[in-house]
Amino acid sequence: MTITEVSKKFDLSQDTLRYYERIGLIPSVNRNKGGIRDYTDEDLKWIEFIKCMRGAGLPIEVLIEYVTLFQQGDATTQARKELLIEQRQQLIARMEDIKKTLELLNYKIESYENSVAIIEKDLKR
């Protein structure tokens, strides 16, 4: 796939894809005879993984570390697992914070809805 096709498929800008490749989040992408990037299925799996992890808020530095460890082979399996476990714990903590924020927002919205209902009731008198 070309960078244009990959960009559309994952809704990422071409600049973002180039950046991810430059910083090592995506292992080096092959190029065709004309020098155009030619993404493989494996490249697409990496992009899907990175996009998912970034969407969940994982820092780029952590993902670079993960990819670097992955490229070092099976000897880093435990380190990669530990890295993912740590990120999962941080994500769970963020989800709990988001849940508390959502509950507060719901409470505030309900308060506004109740006060509007009272005002509208008074207007009908």
PDB file of N, CA and C in Angstrom:
ATOM      1  N   MET A   1       0.845  -1.189   0.000  1.00  0.00           N
ATOM      2  CA  MET A   1       0.000   0.000   0.000  1.00  0.00           C
ATOM      3  C   MET A   1       0.878   1.235   0.000  1.00  0.00           C
ATOM      4  N   THR A   2       0.400   2.265  -0.651  1.00  0.00           N
ATOM      5  CA  THR A   2       1.127   3.530  -0.656  1.00  0.00           C
ATOM      6  C   THR A   2       0.811   4.304   0.618  1.00  0.00           C
ATOM      7  N   ILE A   3       1.574   5.338   0.860  1.00  0.00           N
ATOM      8  CA  ILE A   3       1.349   6.153   2.051  1.00  0.00           C
ATOM      9  C   ILE A   3      -0.017   6.837   1.986  1.00  0.00           C
ATOM     10  N   THR A   4      -0.453   7.184   0.777  1.00  0.00           N
ATOM     11  CA  THR A   4      -1.770   7.800   0.615  1.00  0.00           C
ATOM     12  C   THR A   4      -2.870   6.827   1.024  1.00  0.00           C
ATOM     13  N   GLU A   5      -2.763   5.596   0.590  1.00  0.00           N
ATOM     14  CA  GLU A   5      -3.754   4.581   0.939  1.00  0.00           C
ATOM     15  C   GLU A   5      -3.762   4.293   2.434  1.00  0.00           C
ATOM     16  N   VAL A   6      -2.576   4.187   3.020  1.00  0.00           N
ATOM     17  CA  VAL A   6      -2.465   3.914   4.456  1.00  0.00           C
ATOM     18  C   VAL A   6      -3.024   5.088   5.255  1.00  0.00           C
ATOM     19  N   SER A   7      -2.727   6.288   4.805  1.00  0.00           N
ATOM     20  CA  SER A   7      -3.222   7.495   5.461  1.00  0.00           C
ATOM     21  C   SER A   7      -4.750   7.488   5.507  1.00  0.00           C
ATOM     22  N   LYS A   8      -5.381   7.148   4.394  1.00  0.00           N
ATOM     23  CA  LYS A   8      -6.843   7.098   4.338  1.00  0.00           C
ATOM     24  C   LYS A   8      -7.386   5.955   5.187  1.00  0.00           C
ATOM     25  N   LYS A   9      -6.747   4.800   5.101  1.00  0.00           N
ATOM     26  CA  LYS A   9      -7.219   3.613   5.830  1.00  0.00           C
ATOM     27  C   LYS A   9      -7.260   3.855   7.337  1.00  0.00           C
ATOM     28  N   PHE A  10      -6.225   4.517   7.870  1.00  0.00           N
ATOM     29  CA  PHE A  10      -6.116   4.688   9.322  1.00  0.00           C
ATOM     30  C   PHE A  10      -6.474   6.095   9.794  1.00  0.00           C
ATOM     31  N   ASP A  11      -6.876   6.951   8.847  1.00  0.00           N
ATOM     32  CA  ASP A  11      -7.206   8.333   9.184  1.00  0.00           C
ATOM     33  C   ASP A  11      -6.059   9.009   9.941  1.00  0.00           C
ATOM     34  N   LEU A  12      -4.875   8.831   9.410  1.00  0.00           N
ATOM     35  CA  LEU A  12      -3.675   9.480   9.924  1.00  0.00           C
ATOM     36  C   LEU A  12      -3.067  10.288   8.783  1.00  0.00           C
ATOM     37  N   SER A  13      -2.505  11.429   9.109  1.00  0.00           N
ATOM     38  CA  SER A  13      -1.883  12.214   8.046  1.00  0.00           C
ATOM     39  C   SER A  13      -0.612  11.517   7.557  1.00  0.00           C
ATOM     40  N   GLN A  14      -0.229  11.834   6.335  1.00  0.00           N
ATOM     41  CA  GLN A  14       1.011  11.277   5.800  1.00  0.00           C
ATOM     42  C   GLN A  14       2.198  11.754   6.625  1.00  0.00           C
ATOM     43  N   ASP A  15       2.130  12.991   7.106  1.00  0.00           N
ATOM     44  CA  ASP A  15       3.207  13.502   7.959  1.00  0.00           C
ATOM     45  C   ASP A  15       3.328  12.681   9.244  1.00  0.00           C
ATOM     46  N   THR A  16       2.192  12.290   9.815  1.00  0.00           N
ATOM     47  CA  THR A  16       2.217  11.466  11.032  1.00  0.00           C
ATOM     48  C   THR A  16       2.858  10.122  10.743  1.00  0.00           C
ATOM     49  N   LEU A  17       2.497   9.518   9.623  1.00  0.00           N
ATOM     50  CA  LEU A  17       3.096   8.225   9.250  1.00  0.00           C
ATOM     51  C   LEU A  17       4.606   8.355   9.061  1.00  0.00           C
ATOM     52  N   ARG A  18       5.032   9.405   8.388  1.00  0.00           N
ATOM     53  CA  ARG A  18       6.476   9.623   8.196  1.00  0.00           C
ATOM     54  C   ARG A  18       7.171   9.836   9.546  1.00  0.00           C
ATOM     55  N   TYR A  19       6.517  10.607  10.427  1.00  0.00           N
ATOM     56  CA  TYR A  19       7.060  10.864  11.755  1.00  0.00           C
ATOM     57  C   TYR A  19       7.194   9.567  12.542  1.00  0.00           C
ATOM     58  N   TYR A  20       6.148   8.742  12.541  1.00  0.00           N
ATOM     59  CA  TYR A  20       6.202   7.469  13.245  1.00  0.00           C
ATOM     60  C   TYR A  20       7.346   6.602  12.723  1.00  0.00           C
ATOM     61  N   GLU A  21       7.564   6.624  11.439  1.00  0.00           N
ATOM     62  CA  GLU A  21       8.662   5.850  10.871  1.00  0.00           C
ATOM     63  C   GLU A  21      10.010   6.438  11.285  1.00  0.00           C
ATOM     64  N   ARG A  22      10.117   7.763  11.223  1.00  0.00           N
ATOM     65  CA  ARG A  22      11.387   8.435  11.546  1.00  0.00           C
ATOM     66  C   ARG A  22      11.818   8.187  12.996  1.00  0.00           C
ATOM     67  N   ILE A  23      10.839   8.161  13.915  1.00  0.00           N
ATOM     68  CA  ILE A  23      11.199   7.987  15.332  1.00  0.00           C
ATOM     69  C   ILE A  23      11.240   6.519  15.755  1.00  0.00           C
ATOM     70  N   GLY A  24      10.935   5.621  14.812  1.00  0.00           N
ATOM     71  CA  GLY A  24      11.062   4.204  15.103  1.00  0.00           C
ATOM     72  C   GLY A  24       9.814   3.514  15.608  1.00  0.00           C
ATOM     73  N   LEU A  25       8.668   4.190  15.563  1.00  0.00           N
ATOM     74  CA  LEU A  25       7.434   3.523  15.988  1.00  0.00           C
ATOM     75  C   LEU A  25       6.987   2.490  14.964  1.00  0.00           C
ATOM     76  N   ILE A  26       7.265   2.776  13.720  1.00  0.00           N
ATOM     77  CA  ILE A  26       6.997   1.819  12.650  1.00  0.00           C
ATOM     78  C   ILE A  26       8.361   1.382  12.136  1.00  0.00           C
ATOM     79  N   PRO A  27       8.635   0.097  12.151  1.00  0.00           N
ATOM     80  CA  PRO A  27       9.917  -0.344  11.586  1.00  0.00           C
ATOM     81  C   PRO A  27      10.041   0.144  10.142  1.00  0.00           C
ATOM     82  N   SER A  28      11.255   0.290   9.684  1.00  0.00           N
ATOM     83  CA  SER A  28      11.508   0.840   8.348  1.00  0.00           C
ATOM     84  C   SER A  28      10.583   0.252   7.297  1.00  0.00           C
ATOM     85  N   VAL A  29       9.942   1.135   6.576  1.00  0.00           N
ATOM     86  CA  VAL A  29       9.009   0.735   5.527  1.00  0.00           C
ATOM     87  C   VAL A  29       9.787   0.546   4.232  1.00  0.00           C
ATOM     88  N   ASN A  30       9.503  -0.567   3.561  1.00  0.00           N
ATOM     89  CA  ASN A  30      10.145  -0.830   2.272  1.00  0.00           C
ATOM     90  C   ASN A  30       9.737   0.227   1.258  1.00  0.00           C
ATOM     91  N   ARG A  31      10.570   0.398   0.259  1.00  0.00           N
ATOM     92  CA  ARG A  31      10.259   1.328  -0.817  1.00  0.00           C
ATOM     93  C   ARG A  31      10.342   0.590  -2.150  1.00  0.00           C
ATOM     94  N   ASN A  32       9.507   1.022  -3.078  1.00  0.00           N
ATOM     95  CA  ASN A  32       9.555   0.394  -4.402  1.00  0.00           C
ATOM     96  C   ASN A  32      10.702   0.991  -5.216  1.00  0.00           C
ATOM     97  N   LYS A  33      10.840   0.575  -6.447  1.00  0.00           N
ATOM     98  CA  LYS A  33      11.955   1.037  -7.289  1.00  0.00           C
ATOM     99  C   LYS A  33      11.954   2.542  -7.483  1.00  0.00           C
ATOM    100  N   GLY A  34      10.775   3.149  -7.414  1.00  0.00           N
ATOM    101  CA  GLY A  34      10.671   4.601  -7.566  1.00  0.00           C
ATOM    102  C   GLY A  34      10.896   5.356  -6.265  1.00  0.00           C
ATOM    103  N   GLY A  35      11.187   4.636  -5.183  1.00  0.00           N
ATOM    104  CA  GLY A  35      11.429   5.280  -3.892  1.00  0.00           C
ATOM    105  C   GLY A  35      10.174   5.561  -3.091  1.00  0.00           C
ATOM    106  N   ILE A  36       9.045   5.098  -3.578  1.00  0.00           N
ATOM    107  CA  ILE A  36       7.765   5.310  -2.885  1.00  0.00           C
ATOM    108  C   ILE A  36       7.604   4.255  -1.796  1.00  0.00           C
ATOM    109  N   ARG A  37       7.137   4.706  -0.621  1.00  0.00           N
ATOM    110  CA  ARG A  37       6.892   3.759   0.472  1.00  0.00           C
ATOM    111  C   ARG A  37       5.872   2.713   0.031  1.00  0.00           C
ATOM    112  N   ASP A  38       6.172   1.456   0.403  1.00  0.00           N
ATOM    113  CA  ASP A  38       5.308   0.326   0.051  1.00  0.00           C
ATOM    114  C   ASP A  38       5.030  -0.453   1.334  1.00  0.00           C
ATOM    115  N   TYR A  39       3.907  -0.117   1.979  1.00  0.00           N
ATOM    116  CA  TYR A  39       3.571  -0.701   3.276  1.00  0.00           C
ATOM    117  C   TYR A  39       3.109  -2.146   3.124  1.00  0.00           C
ATOM    118  N   THR A  40       3.654  -3.018   3.975  1.00  0.00           N
ATOM    119  CA  THR A  40       3.280  -4.430   3.986  1.00  0.00           C
ATOM    120  C   THR A  40       2.177  -4.651   5.013  1.00  0.00           C
ATOM    121  N   ASP A  41       1.624  -5.865   5.030  1.00  0.00           N
ATOM    122  CA  ASP A  41       0.614  -6.208   6.037  1.00  0.00           C
ATOM    123  C   ASP A  41       1.185  -6.069   7.442  1.00  0.00           C
ATOM    124  N   GLU A  42       2.447  -6.434   7.610  1.00  0.00           N
ATOM    125  CA  GLU A  42       3.082  -6.300   8.929  1.00  0.00           C
ATOM    126  C   GLU A  42       3.175  -4.828   9.335  1.00  0.00           C
ATOM    127  N   ASP A  43       3.546  -3.960   8.386  1.00  0.00           N
ATOM    128  CA  ASP A  43       3.590  -2.518   8.665  1.00  0.00           C
ATOM    129  C   ASP A  43       2.214  -2.027   9.111  1.00  0.00           C
ATOM    130  N   LEU A  44       1.177  -2.495   8.434  1.00  0.00           N
ATOM    131  CA  LEU A  44      -0.187  -2.075   8.763  1.00  0.00           C
ATOM    132  C   LEU A  44      -0.583  -2.527  10.167  1.00  0.00           C
ATOM    133  N   LYS A  45      -0.133  -3.703  10.568  1.00  0.00           N
ATOM    134  CA  LYS A  45      -0.420  -4.192  11.921  1.00  0.00           C
ATOM    135  C   LYS A  45       0.249  -3.288  12.961  1.00  0.00           C
ATOM    136  N   TRP A  46       1.487  -2.862  12.669  1.00  0.00           N
ATOM    137  CA  TRP A  46       2.176  -1.950  13.576  1.00  0.00           C
ATOM    138  C   TRP A  46       1.430  -0.626  13.678  1.00  0.00           C
ATOM    139  N   ILE A  47       0.994  -0.107  12.540  1.00  0.00           N
ATOM    140  CA  ILE A  47       0.282   1.172  12.536  1.00  0.00           C
ATOM    141  C   ILE A  47      -1.016   1.051  13.327  1.00  0.00           C
ATOM    142  N   GLU A  48      -1.739  -0.035  13.124  1.00  0.00           N
ATOM    143  CA  GLU A  48      -2.984  -0.270  13.861  1.00  0.00           C
ATOM    144  C   GLU A  48      -2.715  -0.331  15.367  1.00  0.00           C
ATOM    145  N   PHE A  49      -1.663  -1.042  15.752  1.00  0.00           N
ATOM    146  CA  PHE A  49      -1.285  -1.154  17.170  1.00  0.00           C
ATOM    147  C   PHE A  49      -0.935   0.223  17.744  1.00  0.00           C
ATOM    148  N   ILE A  50      -0.089   0.956  17.039  1.00  0.00           N
ATOM    149  CA  ILE A  50       0.351   2.271  17.518  1.00  0.00           C
ATOM    150  C   ILE A  50      -0.841   3.227  17.620  1.00  0.00           C
ATOM    151  N   LYS A  51      -1.689   3.229  16.623  1.00  0.00           N
ATOM    152  CA  LYS A  51      -2.850   4.119  16.653  1.00  0.00           C
ATOM    153  C   LYS A  51      -3.750   3.776  17.838  1.00  0.00           C
ATOM    154  N   CYS A  52      -3.974   2.512  18.079  1.00  0.00           N
ATOM    155  CA  CYS A  52      -4.793   2.078  19.207  1.00  0.00           C
ATOM    156  C   CYS A  52      -4.175   2.528  20.534  1.00  0.00           C
ATOM    157  N   MET A  53      -2.903   2.283  20.691  1.00  0.00           N
ATOM    158  CA  MET A  53      -2.226   2.640  21.943  1.00  0.00           C
ATOM    159  C   MET A  53      -2.182   4.155  22.149  1.00  0.00           C
ATOM    160  N   ARG A  54      -1.943   4.899  21.089  1.00  0.00           N
ATOM    161  CA  ARG A  54      -1.935   6.365  21.192  1.00  0.00           C
ATOM    162  C   ARG A  54      -3.340   6.865  21.532  1.00  0.00           C
ATOM    163  N   GLY A  55      -4.345   6.243  20.925  1.00  0.00           N
ATOM    164  CA  GLY A  55      -5.722   6.621  21.220  1.00  0.00           C
ATOM    165  C   GLY A  55      -6.087   6.411  22.686  1.00  0.00           C
ATOM    166  N   ALA A  56      -5.435   5.445  23.307  1.00  0.00           N
ATOM    167  CA  ALA A  56      -5.667   5.171  24.732  1.00  0.00           C
ATOM    168  C   ALA A  56      -4.792   6.048  25.619  1.00  0.00           C
ATOM    169  N   GLY A  57      -3.933   6.847  24.986  1.00  0.00           N
ATOM    170  CA  GLY A  57      -3.129   7.794  25.753  1.00  0.00           C
ATOM    171  C   GLY A  57      -1.729   7.343  26.105  1.00  0.00           C
ATOM    172  N   LEU A  58      -1.270   6.224  25.560  1.00  0.00           N
ATOM    173  CA  LEU A  58       0.088   5.792  25.863  1.00  0.00           C
ATOM    174  C   LEU A  58       1.082   6.778  25.252  1.00  0.00           C
ATOM    175  N   PRO A  59       2.096   7.150  26.009  1.00  0.00           N
ATOM    176  CA  PRO A  59       3.088   8.104  25.505  1.00  0.00           C
ATOM    177  C   PRO A  59       3.935   7.508  24.375  1.00  0.00           C
ATOM    178  N   ILE A  60       4.345   8.358  23.468  1.00  0.00           N
ATOM    179  CA  ILE A  60       5.186   7.934  22.347  1.00  0.00           C
ATOM    180  C   ILE A  60       6.468   7.282  22.858  1.00  0.00           C
ATOM    181  N   GLU A  61       7.037   7.833  23.922  1.00  0.00           N
ATOM    182  CA  GLU A  61       8.294   7.290  24.457  1.00  0.00           C
ATOM    183  C   GLU A  61       8.142   5.834  24.876  1.00  0.00           C
ATOM    184  N   VAL A  62       7.011   5.522  25.480  1.00  0.00           N
ATOM    185  CA  VAL A  62       6.749   4.139  25.910  1.00  0.00           C
ATOM    186  C   VAL A  62       6.629   3.230  24.689  1.00  0.00           C
ATOM    187  N   LEU A  63       5.953   3.718  23.675  1.00  0.00           N
ATOM    188  CA  LEU A  63       5.783   2.914  22.466  1.00  0.00           C
ATOM    189  C   LEU A  63       7.105   2.715  21.732  1.00  0.00           C
ATOM    190  N   ILE A  64       7.936   3.734  21.730  1.00  0.00           N
ATOM    191  CA  ILE A  64       9.272   3.591  21.122  1.00  0.00           C
ATOM    192  C   ILE A  64      10.051   2.520  21.881  1.00  0.00           C
ATOM    193  N   GLU A  65       9.973   2.560  23.205  1.00  0.00           N
ATOM    194  CA  GLU A  65      10.666   1.556  24.020  1.00  0.00           C
ATOM    195  C   GLU A  65      10.146   0.157  23.695  1.00  0.00           C
ATOM    196  N   TYR A  66       8.825   0.026  23.570  1.00  0.00           N
ATOM    197  CA  TYR A  66       8.230  -1.270  23.255  1.00  0.00           C
ATOM    198  C   TYR A  66       8.723  -1.781  21.905  1.00  0.00           C
ATOM    199  N   VAL A  67       8.683  -0.943  20.876  1.00  0.00           N
ATOM    200  CA  VAL A  67       9.117  -1.347  19.534  1.00  0.00           C
ATOM    201  C   VAL A  67      10.590  -1.720  19.541  1.00  0.00           C
ATOM    202  N   THR A  68      11.391  -0.940  20.252  1.00  0.00           N
ATOM    203  CA  THR A  68      12.831  -1.227  20.353  1.00  0.00           C
ATOM    204  C   THR A  68      13.050  -2.589  20.994  1.00  0.00           C
ATOM    205  N   LEU A  69      12.351  -2.855  22.083  1.00  0.00           N
ATOM    206  CA  LEU A  69      12.462  -4.155  22.738  1.00  0.00           C
ATOM    207  C   LEU A  69      12.013  -5.272  21.799  1.00  0.00           C
ATOM    208  N   PHE A  70      10.913  -5.048  21.093  1.00  0.00           N
ATOM    209  CA  PHE A  70      10.412  -6.053  20.164  1.00  0.00           C
ATOM    210  C   PHE A  70      11.461  -6.403  19.111  1.00  0.00           C
ATOM    211  N   GLN A  71      12.117  -5.390  18.610  1.00  0.00           N
ATOM    212  CA  GLN A  71      13.121  -5.601  17.565  1.00  0.00           C
ATOM    213  C   GLN A  71      14.355  -6.339  18.090  1.00  0.00           C
ATOM    214  N   GLN A  72      14.531  -6.348  19.408  1.00  0.00           N
ATOM    215  CA  GLN A  72      15.669  -7.054  19.996  1.00  0.00           C
ATOM    216  C   GLN A  72      15.410  -8.548  20.130  1.00  0.00           C
ATOM    217  N   GLY A  73      14.181  -8.961  19.898  1.00  0.00           N
ATOM    218  CA  GLY A  73      13.894 -10.388  19.865  1.00  0.00           C
ATOM    219  C   GLY A  73      13.291 -10.959  21.127  1.00  0.00           C
ATOM    220  N   ASP A  74      13.263 -12.293  21.148  1.00  0.00           N
ATOM    221  CA  ASP A  74      12.586 -13.037  22.213  1.00  0.00           C
ATOM    222  C   ASP A  74      13.177 -12.820  23.603  1.00  0.00           C
ATOM    223  N   ALA A  75      14.417 -12.411  23.674  1.00  0.00           N
ATOM    224  CA  ALA A  75      15.043 -12.189  24.978  1.00  0.00           C
ATOM    225  C   ALA A  75      14.359 -11.060  25.746  1.00  0.00           C
ATOM    226  N   THR A  76      13.563 -10.241  25.055  1.00  0.00           N
ATOM    227  CA  THR A  76      12.913  -9.100  25.705  1.00  0.00           C
ATOM    228  C   THR A  76      11.422  -9.335  25.976  1.00  0.00           C
ATOM    229  N   THR A  77      10.981 -10.564  25.823  1.00  0.00           N
ATOM    230  CA  THR A  77       9.556 -10.860  26.002  1.00  0.00           C
ATOM    231  C   THR A  77       9.051 -10.415  27.367  1.00  0.00           C
ATOM    232  N   GLN A  78       9.768 -10.741  28.414  1.00  0.00           N
ATOM    233  CA  GLN A  78       9.336 -10.391  29.770  1.00  0.00           C
ATOM    234  C   GLN A  78       9.326  -8.878  29.961  1.00  0.00           C
ATOM    235  N   ALA A  79      10.326  -8.196  29.458  1.00  0.00           N
ATOM    236  CA  ALA A  79      10.380  -6.734  29.582  1.00  0.00           C
ATOM    237  C   ALA A  79       9.205  -6.083  28.855  1.00  0.00           C
ATOM    238  N   ARG A  80       8.860  -6.606  27.695  1.00  0.00           N
ATOM    239  CA  ARG A  80       7.721  -6.069  26.951  1.00  0.00           C
ATOM    240  C   ARG A  80       6.428  -6.297  27.718  1.00  0.00           C
ATOM    241  N   LYS A  81       6.286  -7.495  28.275  1.00  0.00           N
ATOM    242  CA  LYS A  81       5.084  -7.813  29.047  1.00  0.00           C
ATOM    243  C   LYS A  81       4.963  -6.873  30.249  1.00  0.00           C
ATOM    244  N   GLU A  82       6.056  -6.666  30.953  1.00  0.00           N
ATOM    245  CA  GLU A  82       6.042  -5.780  32.119  1.00  0.00           C
ATOM    246  C   GLU A  82       5.692  -4.345  31.723  1.00  0.00           C
ATOM    247  N   LEU A  83       6.212  -3.908  30.599  1.00  0.00           N
ATOM    248  CA  LEU A  83       5.906  -2.571  30.093  1.00  0.00           C
ATOM    249  C   LEU A  83       4.409  -2.438  29.815  1.00  0.00           C
ATOM    250  N   LEU A  84       3.827  -3.461  29.187  1.00  0.00           N
ATOM    251  CA  LEU A  84       2.400  -3.432  28.879  1.00  0.00           C
ATOM    252  C   LEU A  84       1.547  -3.499  30.148  1.00  0.00           C
ATOM    253  N   ILE A  85       1.975  -4.290  31.123  1.00  0.00           N
ATOM    254  CA  ILE A  85       1.249  -4.379  32.396  1.00  0.00           C
ATOM    255  C   ILE A  85       1.241  -3.024  33.094  1.00  0.00           C
ATOM    256  N   GLU A  86       2.391  -2.371  33.108  1.00  0.00           N
ATOM    257  CA  GLU A  86       2.487  -1.043  33.730  1.00  0.00           C
ATOM    258  C   GLU A  86       1.564  -0.046  33.026  1.00  0.00           C
ATOM    259  N   GLN A  87       1.549  -0.085  31.715  1.00  0.00           N
ATOM    260  CA  GLN A  87       0.678   0.823  30.967  1.00  0.00           C
ATOM    261  C   GLN A  87      -0.792   0.513  31.202  1.00  0.00           C
ATOM    262  N   ARG A  88      -1.117  -0.771  31.341  1.00  0.00           N
ATOM    263  CA  ARG A  88      -2.494  -1.149  31.641  1.00  0.00           C
ATOM    264  C   ARG A  88      -2.915  -0.581  32.990  1.00  0.00           C
ATOM    265  N   GLN A  89      -2.035  -0.675  33.994  1.00  0.00           N
ATOM    266  CA  GLN A  89      -2.349  -0.146  35.323  1.00  0.00           C
ATOM    267  C   GLN A  89      -2.580   1.363  35.264  1.00  0.00           C
ATOM    268  N   GLN A  90      -1.748   2.058  34.499  1.00  0.00           N
ATOM    269  CA  GLN A  90      -1.916   3.502  34.363  1.00  0.00           C
ATOM    270  C   GLN A  90      -3.213   3.841  33.636  1.00  0.00           C
ATOM    271  N   LEU A  91      -3.561   3.043  32.634  1.00  0.00           N
ATOM    272  CA  LEU A  91      -4.797   3.256  31.890  1.00  0.00           C
ATOM    273  C   LEU A  91      -6.017   3.029  32.787  1.00  0.00           C
ATOM    274  N   ILE A  92      -5.966   2.004  33.614  1.00  0.00           N
ATOM    275  CA  ILE A  92      -7.065   1.740  34.553  1.00  0.00           C
ATOM    276  C   ILE A  92      -7.239   2.918  35.510  1.00  0.00           C
ATOM    277  N   ALA A  93      -6.128   3.461  36.001  1.00  0.00           N
ATOM    278  CA  ALA A  93      -6.195   4.616  36.906  1.00  0.00           C
ATOM    279  C   ALA A  93      -6.806   5.824  36.190  1.00  0.00           C
ATOM    280  N   ARG A  94      -6.413   6.040  34.941  1.00  0.00           N
ATOM    281  CA  ARG A  94      -6.989   7.154  34.171  1.00  0.00           C
ATOM    282  C   ARG A  94      -8.483   6.931  33.939  1.00  0.00           C
ATOM    283  N   MET A  95      -8.863   5.678  33.681  1.00  0.00           N
ATOM    284  CA  MET A  95     -10.280   5.379  33.475  1.00  0.00           C
ATOM    285  C   MET A  95     -11.085   5.672  34.733  1.00  0.00           C
ATOM    286  N   GLU A  96     -10.522   5.375  35.896  1.00  0.00           N
ATOM    287  CA  GLU A  96     -11.209   5.663  37.154  1.00  0.00           C
ATOM    288  C   GLU A  96     -11.357   7.166  37.339  1.00  0.00           C
ATOM    289  N   ASP A  97     -10.310   7.924  36.983  1.00  0.00           N
ATOM    290  CA  ASP A  97     -10.400   9.386  37.055  1.00  0.00           C
ATOM    291  C   ASP A  97     -11.463   9.908  36.096  1.00  0.00           C
ATOM    292  N   ILE A  98     -11.505   9.352  34.897  1.00  0.00           N
ATOM    293  CA  ILE A  98     -12.495   9.770  33.909  1.00  0.00           C
ATOM    294  C   ILE A  98     -13.901   9.442  34.407  1.00  0.00           C
ATOM    295  N   LYS A  99     -14.061   8.283  35.033  1.00  0.00           N
ATOM    296  CA  LYS A  99     -15.368   7.898  35.565  1.00  0.00           C
ATOM    297  C   LYS A  99     -15.828   8.895  36.629  1.00  0.00           C
ATOM    298  N   LYS A 100     -14.919   9.306  37.514  1.00  0.00           N
ATOM    299  CA  LYS A 100     -15.271  10.293  38.548  1.00  0.00           C
ATOM    300  C   LYS A 100     -15.658  11.621  37.903  1.00  0.00           C
ATOM    301  N   THR A 101     -14.909  12.014  36.890  1.00  0.00           N
ATOM    302  CA  THR A 101     -15.217  13.263  36.195  1.00  0.00           C
ATOM    303  C   THR A 101     -16.577  13.174  35.516  1.00  0.00           C
ATOM    304  N   LEU A 102     -16.865  12.059  34.888  1.00  0.00           N
ATOM    305  CA  LEU A 102     -18.153  11.854  34.233  1.00  0.00           C
ATOM    306  C   LEU A 102     -19.295  11.923  35.238  1.00  0.00           C
ATOM    307  N   GLU A 103     -19.108  11.319  36.396  1.00  0.00           N
ATOM    308  CA  GLU A 103     -20.137  11.367  37.436  1.00  0.00           C
ATOM    309  C   GLU A 103     -20.382  12.805  37.890  1.00  0.00           C
ATOM    310  N   LEU A 104     -19.320  13.576  38.049  1.00  0.00           N
ATOM    311  CA  LEU A 104     -19.455  14.973  38.449  1.00  0.00           C
ATOM    312  C   LEU A 104     -20.177  15.782  37.364  1.00  0.00           C
ATOM    313  N   LEU A 105     -19.790  15.549  36.116  1.00  0.00           N
ATOM    314  CA  LEU A 105     -20.465  16.247  35.014  1.00  0.00           C
ATOM    315  C   LEU A 105     -21.947  15.889  34.969  1.00  0.00           C
ATOM    316  N   ASN A 106     -22.267  14.629  35.133  1.00  0.00           N
ATOM    317  CA  ASN A 106     -23.668  14.204  35.144  1.00  0.00           C
ATOM    318  C   ASN A 106     -24.438  14.890  36.272  1.00  0.00           C
ATOM    319  N   TYR A 107     -23.822  14.979  37.435  1.00  0.00           N
ATOM    320  CA  TYR A 107     -24.450  15.644  38.579  1.00  0.00           C
ATOM    321  C   TYR A 107     -24.709  17.116  38.267  1.00  0.00           C
ATOM    322  N   LYS A 108     -23.696  17.779  37.706  1.00  0.00           N
ATOM    323  CA  LYS A 108     -23.830  19.209  37.387  1.00  0.00           C
ATOM    324  C   LYS A 108     -24.911  19.420  36.325  1.00  0.00           C
ATOM    325  N   ILE A 109     -24.919  18.593  35.303  1.00  0.00           N
ATOM    326  CA  ILE A 109     -25.920  18.718  34.237  1.00  0.00           C
ATOM    327  C   ILE A 109     -27.317  18.509  34.806  1.00  0.00           C
ATOM    328  N   GLU A 110     -27.452  17.498  35.661  1.00  0.00           N
ATOM    329  CA  GLU A 110     -28.749  17.231  36.291  1.00  0.00           C
ATOM    330  C   GLU A 110     -29.185  18.423  37.129  1.00  0.00           C
ATOM    331  N   SER A 111     -28.250  19.048  37.816  1.00  0.00           N
ATOM    332  CA  SER A 111     -28.575  20.235  38.623  1.00  0.00           C
ATOM    333  C   SER A 111     -29.114  21.353  37.738  1.00  0.00           C
ATOM    334  N   TYR A 112     -28.460  21.564  36.600  1.00  0.00           N
ATOM    335  CA  TYR A 112     -28.933  22.584  35.668  1.00  0.00           C
ATOM    336  C   TYR A 112     -30.302  22.232  35.114  1.00  0.00           C
ATOM    337  N   GLU A 113     -30.497  20.973  34.770  1.00  0.00           N
ATOM    338  CA  GLU A 113     -31.782  20.541  34.220  1.00  0.00           C
ATOM    339  C   GLU A 113     -32.888  20.734  35.248  1.00  0.00           C
ATOM    340  N   ASN A 114     -32.585  20.424  36.510  1.00  0.00           N
ATOM    341  CA  ASN A 114     -33.583  20.596  37.567  1.00  0.00           C
ATOM    342  C   ASN A 114     -33.916  22.073  37.774  1.00  0.00           C
ATOM    343  N   SER A 115     -32.906  22.942  37.747  1.00  0.00           N
ATOM    344  CA  SER A 115     -33.183  24.366  37.947  1.00  0.00           C
ATOM    345  C   SER A 115     -33.925  24.957  36.757  1.00  0.00           C
ATOM    346  N   VAL A 116     -33.638  24.497  35.552  1.00  0.00           N
ATOM    347  CA  VAL A 116     -34.380  24.954  34.378  1.00  0.00           C
ATOM    348  C   VAL A 116     -35.834  24.491  34.479  1.00  0.00           C
ATOM    349  N   ALA A 117     -36.046  23.269  34.930  1.00  0.00           N
ATOM    350  CA  ALA A 117     -37.411  22.746  35.078  1.00  0.00           C
ATOM    351  C   ALA A 117     -38.192  23.572  36.084  1.00  0.00           C
ATOM    352  N   ILE A 118     -37.558  23.984  37.162  1.00  0.00           N
ATOM    353  CA  ILE A 118     -38.221  24.814  38.177  1.00  0.00           C
ATOM    354  C   ILE A 118     -38.570  26.172  37.592  1.00  0.00           C
ATOM    355  N   ILE A 119     -37.629  26.771  36.872  1.00  0.00           N
ATOM    356  CA  ILE A 119     -37.873  28.084  36.260  1.00  0.00           C
ATOM    357  C   ILE A 119     -39.010  27.986  35.245  1.00  0.00           C
ATOM    358  N   GLU A 120     -38.991  26.959  34.410  1.00  0.00           N
ATOM    359  CA  GLU A 120     -40.049  26.790  33.418  1.00  0.00           C
ATOM    360  C   GLU A 120     -41.395  26.532  34.077  1.00  0.00           C
ATOM    361  N   LYS A 121     -41.383  25.807  35.177  1.00  0.00           N
ATOM    362  CA  LYS A 121     -42.647  25.556  35.902  1.00  0.00           C
ATOM    363  C   LYS A 121     -43.223  26.869  36.421  1.00  0.00           C
ATOM    364  N   ASP A 122     -42.317  27.727  36.946  1.00  0.00           N
ATOM    365  CA  ASP A 122     -42.759  29.029  37.451  1.00  0.00           C
ATOM    366  C   ASP A 122     -43.291  29.906  36.320  1.00  0.00           C
ATOM    367  N   LEU A 123     -42.751  29.756  35.114  1.00  0.00           N
ATOM    368  CA  LEU A 123     -43.198  30.559  33.978  1.00  0.00           C
ATOM    369  C   LEU A 123     -44.603  30.174  33.531  1.00  0.00           C
ATOM    370  N   LYS A 124     -44.991  28.941  33.774  1.00  0.00           N
ATOM    371  CA  LYS A 124     -46.300  28.463  33.348  1.00  0.00           C
ATOM    372  C   LYS A 124     -47.433  28.927  34.258  1.00  0.00           C
ATOM    373  N   ARG A 125     -47.092  29.470  35.392  1.00  0.00           N
ATOM    374  CA  ARG A 125     -48.116  29.902  36.355  1.00  0.00           C
ATOM    375  C   ARG A 125     -48.822  31.123  35.899  1.00  0.00           C
TER     376      ARG A 125
END
